[in-house]
Amino acid sequence: MTVSHAEHGPEEMCPAGMRVYQQALREGHVTPSATGIPPCLVDFGFLHPALDDPGRLEPASPMAALHSLLRASGQRIADERRREEHLVEAFAPLIREESSEAADIAALLVITGKEQISRAIANALADATEQALTIQPYQGPNSPPRQDNLRSLQRDQAFLDRGGRIRTLYQHTYRHAPHVLARYERLRGDVEARTLDEVTERLIIVDRTVAFIPASADRSLALEVRHPALIAYFVNTFDRLWHLATPMHPQAVHQPTLNGITPRQRAIAALLVEGHTDSDIADRLGMNVRTARVHIAKLAATLGSESRAQLGYLIGQSGLLQSEDASE
C-alpha cells in the first residue's frame, strides 16, 4: 500500500518518507506489503530492493542519502542561477533604456521658490566663464526685472570680470526705463542689450550648458534644464530673436517713424489687424492697457479713423504694414 503525501523535489525529505526511512534503518529493511511506502523513497533511491529478496526494501546509508539530497539541492541551485542569468540577459536592454530615461529626467530639475531660483542662477553663473544669454519680458511698471538689484548686479559684474559675455533681450518698453539704463551704466565688460516689440517668456542660458525657464505663471517655479537638445533649441531661438532686435546698449539705435507713425504704433497696428483686444495688445507688447489705448488713439488720429472698424480698414489701405515688411 502507498501513503498519500505532497509532491516534492529530490533534495527534500517529506515527514512520511523520513518516518519509513528511519524504520528501515532501525530494522534493516521494510516490507512494502506491511508498511505504506511513500513513492519518493524508491524514486529518489533512499530504499532499494534487497539482493536476496526483491520483495524486501533495504535503506541506503544515511551518508549516501545525505549526499543524494545535497547533490539534488546543488543541481536545483545551479538551475536557479542559470535562470537568473537568463533573466538578467533578458532585462538588460530594458534596464539600459530605463537608465537612459532616468538621465533625461535628471536633465530637468524643478526649483521651488523665487529665492531658490535666484540662488540656482547665481550658482550657475559662479561656475561660468563664457556667455550668459537672457530674455527679460516686461513685468509691469512697478516690477522691474529681478536681475536689476544690487546682488544680481554684483553677480553679473563678477562674471564679466572673468571674461564672460552678457547678451540680454528686453521688450521695447524697457528702452527708456531708468532702472534698466542705470544697470548698464554700472556694468563694465562685454555686455549688450537689445529690444523687440515681443519676446518669449523669461529665459536664461549659461555657457550653453544650463538654462532656466519659468514653470508657473507667477514664476514661483522654474525648470533647470541641462538636456543638450533643449539647450541647443533655446540658443537657436535666442540667436534668431537677437538678430531681429534693435540695439539698446552700448549704442542705442532709434527706430525711425514712418509718416508720423512710430514703430510701436506699427506693432500695435499689426495686432489690431489680427483682431487682438486692447488687453491682449498690452500684454503682448509689454505695456499697461492705458498706454496701449493712448497709442491706439494716436494711431487713429494719424490715419483719420473715427471707429475701431474703420481703423482696421485704414491700416490695411495705408500700406503701413507692407512698409514695415519691406524695411525688414
Foldseek 3Di string as FASTA:
>chain_A
DADDDDDDFLLDADPVQVVVLVVLVVVQKDAVVVDHHHPSCVVLVQWAADPVGNRIIGGDDPVVSNVSNVVRVVVVVVVVVVVVVVVCVVCVVVVVVVVVVVVQVVQKDKDFAPVRVVVVVLVLLVPFAEEKEKEAEFDAPVDDDPCLDDVNLVSVLVNQVSVYAYEYEYAPVCLPPPSVVVSVVPHDHHYWYWHHQADDAIKMQTPLQWMWGAPDPVSRMIIIGRDNVVSVVVVVRRVVVVVVTATRPPDGDAADADLPQGPLLLLLLVVLLVPDDLCVSCNRRRHHSVVSVVSVVVQCVSQVHDDSVVSNVSSVVVCSNVVVVVVD
